């Protein structure tokens, strides 16, 4: 098996300073850049920034922040997590990530998704009734753009292209592109059809329940004659010096944002018992480095994935606690995970 890759994901959650006051969006964005620089220093392989258009999250343009990170780092890979392709323009997405790739000497990755939040659709003038067709047409166009040759394409939701050449080209001729999937079999099959690597969002329940999706991806790739790449997974978590400290820092902010989003989706308020059960048996990686490492190694082994990304921010955890979480993830958790898997 190829060497495992470990990443950190964030949506640019707006944190509190150490006095308990929410910082500005601008400071929240600068904070993410500082955390990415620290992530590189402590040995993390990838930083992935998600796109959101809500007040809790400061990052609406991941590639712009990634470009800033590119100028302050040398090694860490720079990914979106995800780019909502359905409400964006494939040509512009390619151009922006090719630009990040240039600034970072080939470290850019785009993870395309349909979006589990829908704010971007009305914001940019798209009809949610077209949710499926928008992504299907745009991923088809994006796949052609990745060949970095003149494109002729037509669809129903975007102006046609006739022998259109798109710039800048990447230096290597290859822009690393994944597809993020939340659990739709059709999305898994589509990813395999295009030969893209699969990133599975596992944000609740036992990780093992996603094993059939990974099997489906491999079987579909075999049927289509495409490559079944090592699969990635990302899940939420938080690392502190002890289990209790991690929960104390994470739970209050987790509950606020979980209940706020849950109210929009018809979910009841989350109870502490559910939270504890999700830590013990589900997909919350909360605790000391030892606890998080054991849980991470178990999930990686159970699913046979080649990449694990920890969503290390959920709500307004204090700035100092976030920095400590990044530090512990790189210096303590990852060496332990590698050791556990080697054994």
Foldseek 3Di string as FASTA:
>chain_A
DDAFAEEAEEQLFQAAAPVRHTDDLVVSLVLVLVLLLLLVVLPHAEYEYEADDDPRGSHNDQLVSLLVSLQNDAGHAYEYPADQQLLPALLVVVASQLVSCVSNVRRYEHAYELDPDDVSQVVSPHDVVCSVVSVVQRVVVNLVVLQQFQDFDDDDPDHTGDRHGGDDAHPVSGHQYAYEDADDLVSLLVRLLSQHAYEYEFEKFALLVCLVSLVSNVVSNVVNVHDHDFHHYEYEEFEDQFQVVQCVLPVVFQQVQCCVVCVVVVHDRDDVVRVVCCCVGNGYQTTYLVSSLVVVLVSCVSNVGRYYYYHHDRGHRHSVRSSNRSNCCSNRNVVSNVVVNVD
